[in-house]
């Protein structure tokens, strides 16, 4: 099956590493942390892209869009992939995954999503330290 061959590997900051092979256990907190970091970065890049569009259409300067466009695009693709990984790892309901995706689209709401994910990370970390 194609799905059984799907493997996604991500290195965050050269240190946190996780790998998803469907059907295998992975460190959930690292995947959730990576999603949180990318959600915040994607929201910041969205604002940068909006500023670039103001420069492009208001002042005839395309430098902002040519710089921020590819950065934002790549971060959005990474965000979508991490959201899918987190959906499977955390066994999120499809409703939460879709709402998280939709919430990442308008400017500023990505920050709200990042805050929700930060709360999830803190909850998981406190649960792990209590279990130890």
Protein backbone atom coordinates (compact mmCIF):
# COMPACT_ATOMS: atom_id res chain seq x y z
CA UNK A 1 0.00 0.00 0.00
CA UNK A 2 1.13 3.51 -0.71
CA UNK A 3 0.16 4.75 2.77
CA UNK A 4 2.30 2.15 4.49
CA UNK A 5 5.31 3.52 2.63
CA UNK A 6 4.69 7.14 3.64
CA UNK A 7 7.51 8.50 5.77
CA UNK A 8 7.93 12.10 6.87
CA UNK A 9 11.02 13.30 8.71
CA UNK A 10 11.55 16.78 10.12
CA UNK A 11 14.49 18.29 11.94
CA UNK A 12 13.70 21.40 13.96
CA UNK A 13 16.60 23.57 15.02
CA UNK A 14 19.03 20.77 14.20
CA UNK A 15 18.06 19.03 17.44
CA UNK A 16 14.44 18.01 17.79
CA UNK A 17 13.79 15.16 15.41
CA UNK A 18 10.76 13.06 14.77
CA UNK A 19 9.74 10.66 12.11
CA UNK A 20 6.31 9.46 11.16
CA UNK A 21 5.95 5.98 9.77
CA UNK A 22 2.24 5.30 9.76
CA UNK A 23 1.49 2.79 12.46
CA UNK A 24 4.56 3.50 14.61
CA UNK A 25 4.87 5.48 17.85
CA UNK A 26 6.59 8.88 17.78
CA UNK A 27 7.39 11.51 20.41
CA UNK A 28 4.13 13.49 20.33
CA UNK A 29 5.35 16.58 22.17
CA UNK A 30 8.11 17.22 19.62
CA UNK A 31 5.62 17.07 16.73
CA UNK A 32 3.23 19.34 18.59
CA UNK A 33 6.07 21.76 19.43
CA UNK A 34 7.17 21.82 15.80
CA UNK A 35 3.60 22.61 14.70
CA UNK A 36 3.39 25.40 17.28
CA UNK A 37 6.70 26.95 16.15
CA UNK A 38 5.77 26.76 12.48
CA UNK A 39 2.28 28.19 13.20
CA UNK A 40 3.83 31.26 14.82
CA UNK A 41 6.45 31.59 12.05
CA UNK A 42 3.79 31.23 9.37
CA UNK A 43 1.66 33.95 11.02
CA UNK A 44 4.66 36.31 11.14
CA UNK A 45 5.49 35.58 7.50
CA UNK A 46 1.85 36.32 6.58
CA UNK A 47 2.21 39.77 8.11
CA UNK A 48 5.49 40.24 6.25
CA UNK A 49 3.78 39.27 3.01
CA UNK A 50 0.99 41.77 3.68
CA UNK A 51 3.59 44.50 4.20
CA UNK A 52 5.27 43.38 0.99
CA UNK A 53 1.97 43.75 -0.87
CA UNK A 54 1.58 47.29 0.50
CA UNK A 55 5.05 48.07 -0.85
CA UNK A 56 4.26 46.46 -4.20
CA UNK A 57 0.89 48.03 -4.87
CA UNK A 58 1.31 51.27 -2.92
CA UNK A 59 4.89 52.17 -3.76
CA UNK A 60 5.71 50.10 -6.88
CA UNK A 61 8.41 48.15 -5.02
CA UNK A 62 8.25 44.38 -5.50
CA UNK A 63 11.14 43.57 -3.14
CA UNK A 64 8.87 42.71 -0.18
CA UNK A 65 6.71 40.28 -2.13
CA UNK A 66 9.64 38.64 -3.89
CA UNK A 67 11.31 38.10 -0.50
CA UNK A 68 8.34 37.17 1.69
CA UNK A 69 6.29 35.26 -0.91
CA UNK A 70 8.54 32.18 -1.11
CA UNK A 71 9.21 32.23 2.64
CA UNK A 72 5.51 32.34 3.45
CA UNK A 73 4.71 29.70 0.84
CA UNK A 74 7.28 27.26 2.22
CA UNK A 75 6.18 27.83 5.82
CA UNK A 76 2.55 27.25 4.84
CA UNK A 77 3.42 23.95 3.14
CA UNK A 78 5.44 22.84 6.19
CA UNK A 79 2.55 23.92 8.43
CA UNK A 80 0.04 21.87 6.42
CA UNK A 81 2.31 18.79 6.52
CA UNK A 82 2.88 19.14 10.27
CA UNK A 83 -0.84 19.62 10.83
CA UNK A 84 -1.50 16.34 9.04
CA UNK A 85 1.21 14.57 11.06
CA UNK A 86 -0.16 15.99 14.32
CA UNK A 87 -3.69 14.97 13.31
CA UNK A 88 -2.61 11.33 13.15
CA UNK A 89 -0.26 11.38 16.12
CA UNK A 90 -2.59 13.18 18.49
CA UNK A 91 -5.64 11.44 17.06
CA UNK A 92 -7.33 14.81 16.69
CA UNK A 93 -10.92 14.81 15.45
CA UNK A 94 -11.12 15.85 11.79
CA UNK A 95 -13.08 18.92 12.91
CA UNK A 96 -10.14 20.22 14.96
CA UNK A 97 -7.69 19.61 12.12
CA UNK A 98 -9.88 21.42 9.58
CA UNK A 99 -10.52 24.31 11.97
CA UNK A 100 -6.78 24.60 12.65
CA UNK A 101 -6.12 24.71 8.92
CA UNK A 102 -8.80 27.35 8.32
CA UNK A 103 -7.57 29.34 11.30
CA UNK A 104 -4.11 29.59 9.74
CA UNK A 105 -5.39 31.35 6.61
CA UNK A 106 -6.49 34.86 7.73
CA UNK A 107 -3.81 37.17 9.15
CA UNK A 108 -3.59 37.36 12.95
CA UNK A 109 -5.61 34.17 13.55
CA UNK A 110 -2.40 32.16 13.13
CA UNK A 111 -1.25 33.75 16.38
CA UNK A 112 -4.40 32.49 18.11
CA UNK A 113 -3.74 29.01 16.76
CA UNK A 114 -0.13 29.21 17.95
CA UNK A 115 -1.34 30.17 21.43
CA UNK A 116 -3.75 27.21 21.50
CA UNK A 117 -0.93 24.89 20.45
CA UNK A 118 1.36 26.40 23.11
CA UNK A 119 -1.28 25.59 25.71
CA UNK A 120 -1.47 22.02 24.36
CA UNK A 121 2.32 21.66 24.57
CA UNK A 122 2.39 22.94 28.15
CA UNK A 123 -0.44 20.59 29.11
CA UNK A 124 1.36 17.59 27.58
CA UNK A 125 4.67 18.51 29.19
CA UNK A 126 3.10 18.92 32.61
CA UNK A 127 1.36 15.56 32.16
CA UNK A 128 4.64 13.90 31.28
CA UNK A 129 6.52 15.42 34.23
CA UNK A 130 3.73 14.33 36.59
CA UNK A 131 3.83 10.79 35.17
CA UNK A 132 7.60 10.50 35.70
